[in-house]
Amino acid sequence: MDYRFVDSFYKEAHALGIEHSYDRVAIAGDIKNVVRPSKPGDAELILRQIEISKELHDIEEVVIISHQNCGAYGELAGLSADQELSVHTQDLLAAREIIISRVPGIRVLTFFATLKEGDHNNIMALKKLLHDSTSGNTRSTYQQAVV
């Protein structure tokens, strides 16, 4: 939903080869609302959109992008960048598990966007959270993505 990420989102969609074949759902605080909904029905709204995309368009993959300086995470103000990343990572992983349990067979990619120092209108980096499926554990390791 955040205008600051439109260009980077489209670049990443192109890099993933999905620039003309995806259903975009952008809702303020969407990942936080899946994991810790602030109002009844918030999580259901988001999860239902994913289910509808699966039913109507047979999607195979969901891409989740959480970002630094998100207004929905106002409680993180004053935390270090590492502490903020830790909270977002936990929520991304939890949202991933919720989506996978709700929509069997779906793949979920998770990303975290950081902003340029002193300029919260431009993305500095879009990083992909890597999942280690062989051990059953998820590594909190990020890899640089397209920006």
C-alpha atoms as a PDB file:
ATOM      1  CA  MET A   1       0.000   0.000   0.000  1.00  0.00           C
ATOM      2  CA  ASP A   2       2.969   2.321   0.623  1.00  0.00           C
ATOM      3  CA  TYR A   3       3.834   4.568  -2.332  1.00  0.00           C
ATOM      4  CA  ARG A   4       7.520   4.465  -1.366  1.00  0.00           C
ATOM      5  CA  PHE A   5       7.839   0.891  -2.558  1.00  0.00           C
ATOM      6  CA  VAL A   6       5.999   0.848  -5.884  1.00  0.00           C
ATOM      7  CA  ASP A   7       9.096   1.052  -8.118  1.00  0.00           C
ATOM      8  CA  SER A   8      11.076  -1.492  -6.092  1.00  0.00           C
ATOM      9  CA  PHE A   9       8.092  -3.829  -6.001  1.00  0.00           C
ATOM     10  CA  TYR A  10       7.778  -3.784  -9.786  1.00  0.00           C
ATOM     11  CA  LYS A  11      11.529  -4.351 -10.227  1.00  0.00           C
ATOM     12  CA  GLU A  12      11.350  -7.355  -7.905  1.00  0.00           C
ATOM     13  CA  ALA A  13       8.251  -8.686  -9.692  1.00  0.00           C
ATOM     14  CA  HIS A  14      10.154  -8.432 -12.969  1.00  0.00           C
ATOM     15  CA  ALA A  15      13.190 -10.201 -11.488  1.00  0.00           C
ATOM     16  CA  LEU A  16      10.909 -12.988 -10.249  1.00  0.00           C
ATOM     17  CA  GLY A  17       9.342 -13.238 -13.711  1.00  0.00           C
ATOM     18  CA  ILE A  18       5.866 -12.367 -12.471  1.00  0.00           C
ATOM     19  CA  GLU A  19       5.489  -8.757 -13.602  1.00  0.00           C
ATOM     20  CA  HIS A  20       2.354  -9.481 -15.641  1.00  0.00           C
ATOM     21  CA  SER A  21       0.922 -12.433 -13.769  1.00  0.00           C
ATOM     22  CA  TYR A  22       0.116 -11.640 -10.155  1.00  0.00           C
ATOM     23  CA  ASP A  23      -2.716 -10.436  -7.952  1.00  0.00           C
ATOM     24  CA  ARG A  24      -1.482  -7.564  -5.786  1.00  0.00           C
ATOM     25  CA  VAL A  25      -2.972  -7.181  -2.336  1.00  0.00           C
ATOM     26  CA  ALA A  26      -1.694  -4.143  -0.472  1.00  0.00           C
ATOM     27  CA  ILE A  27      -3.238  -3.313   2.887  1.00  0.00           C
ATOM     28  CA  ALA A  28      -1.745  -1.076   5.566  1.00  0.00           C
ATOM     29  CA  GLY A  29      -0.064  -3.149   8.252  1.00  0.00           C
ATOM     30  CA  ASP A  30      -1.079  -6.344   6.501  1.00  0.00           C
ATOM     31  CA  ILE A  31       1.532  -8.701   7.963  1.00  0.00           C
ATOM     32  CA  LYS A  32       1.142  -7.360  11.483  1.00  0.00           C
ATOM     33  CA  ASN A  33      -2.619  -7.735  11.057  1.00  0.00           C
ATOM     34  CA  VAL A  34      -2.229 -11.373  10.022  1.00  0.00           C
ATOM     35  CA  VAL A  35      -0.070 -12.173  13.051  1.00  0.00           C
ATOM     36  CA  ARG A  36      -1.460  -9.737  15.656  1.00  0.00           C
ATOM     37  CA  PRO A  37      -4.703  -8.240  14.324  1.00  0.00           C
ATOM     38  CA  SER A  38      -5.644  -4.922  15.898  1.00  0.00           C
ATOM     39  CA  LYS A  39      -9.325  -5.348  15.002  1.00  0.00           C
ATOM     40  CA  PRO A  40     -11.542  -8.389  14.554  1.00  0.00           C
ATOM     41  CA  GLY A  41     -11.602  -9.458  10.929  1.00  0.00           C
ATOM     42  CA  ASP A  42      -8.281  -7.870   9.912  1.00  0.00           C
ATOM     43  CA  ALA A  43      -6.466 -11.181   9.495  1.00  0.00           C
ATOM     44  CA  GLU A  44      -9.459 -12.810   7.841  1.00  0.00           C
ATOM     45  CA  LEU A  45      -9.660 -10.052   5.199  1.00  0.00           C
ATOM     46  CA  ILE A  46      -6.057 -10.594   4.155  1.00  0.00           C
ATOM     47  CA  LEU A  47      -6.151 -14.384   4.280  1.00  0.00           C
ATOM     48  CA  ARG A  48      -9.392 -14.448   2.308  1.00  0.00           C
ATOM     49  CA  GLN A  49      -7.753 -12.409  -0.478  1.00  0.00           C
ATOM     50  CA  ILE A  50      -5.046 -15.054  -0.752  1.00  0.00           C
ATOM     51  CA  GLU A  51      -7.647 -17.825  -0.817  1.00  0.00           C
ATOM     52  CA  ILE A  52      -9.613 -16.030  -3.537  1.00  0.00           C
ATOM     53  CA  SER A  53      -6.470 -15.647  -5.650  1.00  0.00           C
ATOM     54  CA  LYS A  54      -5.771 -19.354  -5.207  1.00  0.00           C
ATOM     55  CA  GLU A  55      -9.348 -20.330  -6.099  1.00  0.00           C
ATOM     56  CA  LEU A  56      -9.765 -18.015  -9.091  1.00  0.00           C
ATOM     57  CA  HIS A  57      -6.247 -17.786 -10.498  1.00  0.00           C
ATOM     58  CA  ASP A  58      -4.596 -20.912  -9.118  1.00  0.00           C
ATOM     59  CA  ILE A  59      -1.690 -18.966  -7.619  1.00  0.00           C
ATOM     60  CA  GLU A  60       1.230 -21.045  -6.400  1.00  0.00           C
ATOM     61  CA  GLU A  61       3.209 -18.415  -4.525  1.00  0.00           C
ATOM     62  CA  VAL A  62       2.652 -15.501  -2.161  1.00  0.00           C
ATOM     63  CA  VAL A  63       5.251 -12.731  -1.809  1.00  0.00           C
ATOM     64  CA  ILE A  64       5.195 -10.830   1.489  1.00  0.00           C
ATOM     65  CA  ILE A  65       7.098  -7.566   1.862  1.00  0.00           C
ATOM     66  CA  SER A  66       7.437  -5.959   5.272  1.00  0.00           C
ATOM     67  CA  HIS A  67       9.310  -2.681   5.609  1.00  0.00           C
ATOM     68  CA  GLN A  68      11.280  -0.482   7.929  1.00  0.00           C
ATOM     69  CA  ASN A  69       9.498   2.555   9.363  1.00  0.00           C
ATOM     70  CA  CYS A  70       6.041   0.999   8.926  1.00  0.00           C
ATOM     71  CA  GLY A  71       3.329   3.094  10.568  1.00  0.00           C
ATOM     72  CA  ALA A  72       1.532  -0.046  11.772  1.00  0.00           C
ATOM     73  CA  TYR A  73       4.625  -0.812  13.852  1.00  0.00           C
ATOM     74  CA  GLY A  74       4.653   2.525  15.661  1.00  0.00           C
ATOM     75  CA  GLU A  75       5.590   0.731  18.873  1.00  0.00           C
ATOM     76  CA  LEU A  76       9.024   0.056  17.327  1.00  0.00           C
ATOM     77  CA  ALA A  77       9.953   3.747  17.255  1.00  0.00           C
ATOM     78  CA  GLY A  78      13.191   4.245  19.120  1.00  0.00           C
ATOM     79  CA  LEU A  79      14.429   0.690  18.639  1.00  0.00           C
ATOM     80  CA  SER A  80      17.681  -0.001  16.836  1.00  0.00           C
ATOM     81  CA  ALA A  81      17.562  -1.143  13.209  1.00  0.00           C
ATOM     82  CA  ASP A  82      18.544  -4.659  14.334  1.00  0.00           C
ATOM     83  CA  GLN A  83      15.754  -4.768  16.926  1.00  0.00           C
ATOM     84  CA  GLU A  84      13.222  -3.546  14.367  1.00  0.00           C
ATOM     85  CA  LEU A  85      14.411  -6.159  11.862  1.00  0.00           C
ATOM     86  CA  SER A  86      14.066  -8.858  14.522  1.00  0.00           C
ATOM     87  CA  VAL A  87      10.391  -8.001  15.145  1.00  0.00           C
ATOM     88  CA  HIS A  88       9.624  -7.881  11.418  1.00  0.00           C
ATOM     89  CA  THR A  89      11.446 -11.183  10.885  1.00  0.00           C
ATOM     90  CA  GLN A  90       9.382 -12.861  13.608  1.00  0.00           C
ATOM     91  CA  ASP A  91       6.161 -11.512  12.082  1.00  0.00           C
ATOM     92  CA  LEU A  92       7.161 -12.502   8.547  1.00  0.00           C
ATOM     93  CA  LEU A  93       7.905 -16.048   9.693  1.00  0.00           C
ATOM     94  CA  ALA A  94       4.664 -16.265  11.677  1.00  0.00           C
ATOM     95  CA  ALA A  95       2.623 -14.880   8.761  1.00  0.00           C
ATOM     96  CA  ARG A  96       4.302 -17.347   6.430  1.00  0.00           C
ATOM     97  CA  GLU A  97       3.269 -20.260   8.656  1.00  0.00           C
ATOM     98  CA  ILE A  98      -0.302 -18.956   9.010  1.00  0.00           C
ATOM     99  CA  ILE A  99      -0.667 -18.610   5.233  1.00  0.00           C
ATOM    100  CA  ILE A 100       0.828 -22.054   4.554  1.00  0.00           C
ATOM    101  CA  SER A 101      -1.533 -23.658   7.070  1.00  0.00           C
ATOM    102  CA  ARG A 102      -4.534 -21.803   5.632  1.00  0.00           C
ATOM    103  CA  VAL A 103      -3.709 -22.405   1.954  1.00  0.00           C
ATOM    104  CA  PRO A 104      -2.099 -25.846   1.603  1.00  0.00           C
ATOM    105  CA  GLY A 105       0.506 -26.211  -1.126  1.00  0.00           C
ATOM    106  CA  ILE A 106       1.216 -22.477  -1.388  1.00  0.00           C
ATOM    107  CA  ARG A 107       4.824 -21.213  -1.378  1.00  0.00           C
ATOM    108  CA  VAL A 108       5.501 -18.045   0.585  1.00  0.00           C
ATOM    109  CA  LEU A 109       8.477 -15.751  -0.076  1.00  0.00           C
ATOM    110  CA  THR A 110       9.262 -13.135   2.555  1.00  0.00           C
ATOM    111  CA  PHE A 111      11.124  -9.854   2.114  1.00  0.00           C
ATOM    112  CA  PHE A 112      12.133  -6.902   4.278  1.00  0.00           C
ATOM    113  CA  ALA A 113      12.670  -3.453   2.772  1.00  0.00           C
ATOM    114  CA  THR A 114      15.090  -1.011   4.395  1.00  0.00           C
ATOM    115  CA  LEU A 115      15.067   2.703   3.699  1.00  0.00           C
ATOM    116  CA  LYS A 116      17.854   5.116   2.880  1.00  0.00           C
ATOM    117  CA  GLU A 117      19.311   6.746   5.973  1.00  0.00           C
ATOM    118  CA  GLY A 118      17.531  10.044   6.608  1.00  0.00           C
ATOM    119  CA  ASP A 119      15.262   9.560   3.577  1.00  0.00           C
ATOM    120  CA  HIS A 120      12.240   7.448   4.400  1.00  0.00           C
ATOM    121  CA  ASN A 121      10.825   7.937   0.917  1.00  0.00           C
ATOM    122  CA  ASN A 122      13.334   5.737  -0.885  1.00  0.00           C
ATOM    123  CA  ILE A 123      14.207   2.073  -0.538  1.00  0.00           C
ATOM    124  CA  MET A 124      17.858   1.284   0.058  1.00  0.00           C
ATOM    125  CA  ALA A 125      17.557  -2.498  -0.070  1.00  0.00           C
ATOM    126  CA  LEU A 126      14.997  -5.226  -0.486  1.00  0.00           C
ATOM    127  CA  LYS A 127      16.203  -8.353   1.273  1.00  0.00           C
ATOM    128  CA  LYS A 128      14.814 -11.861   0.957  1.00  0.00           C
ATOM    129  CA  LEU A 129      14.441 -13.929   4.134  1.00  0.00           C
ATOM    130  CA  LEU A 130      15.885 -17.364   3.459  1.00  0.00           C
ATOM    131  CA  HIS A 131      14.073 -20.463   4.701  1.00  0.00           C
ATOM    132  CA  ASP A 132      15.952 -23.696   5.403  1.00  0.00           C
ATOM    133  CA  SER A 133      13.350 -26.336   4.633  1.00  0.00           C
ATOM    134  CA  THR A 134      15.719 -29.288   4.966  1.00  0.00           C
ATOM    135  CA  SER A 135      16.120 -28.998   8.721  1.00  0.00           C
ATOM    136  CA  GLY A 136      12.597 -27.815   9.396  1.00  0.00           C
ATOM    137  CA  ASN A 137      14.024 -24.605  10.804  1.00  0.00           C
ATOM    138  CA  THR A 138      13.999 -21.156   9.313  1.00  0.00           C
ATOM    139  CA  ARG A 139      17.231 -19.234   9.291  1.00  0.00           C
ATOM    140  CA  SER A 140      16.984 -15.528   9.957  1.00  0.00           C
ATOM    141  CA  THR A 141      19.284 -14.863   7.045  1.00  0.00           C
ATOM    142  CA  TYR A 142      18.642 -12.239   4.416  1.00  0.00           C
ATOM    143  CA  GLN A 143      19.895 -12.078   0.863  1.00  0.00           C
ATOM    144  CA  GLN A 144      20.022  -8.898  -1.219  1.00  0.00           C
ATOM    145  CA  ALA A 145      17.230  -8.736  -3.767  1.00  0.00           C
ATOM    146  CA  VAL A 146      16.633  -6.421  -6.698  1.00  0.00           C
ATOM    147  CA  VAL A 147      16.287  -2.694  -5.969  1.00  0.00           C
END
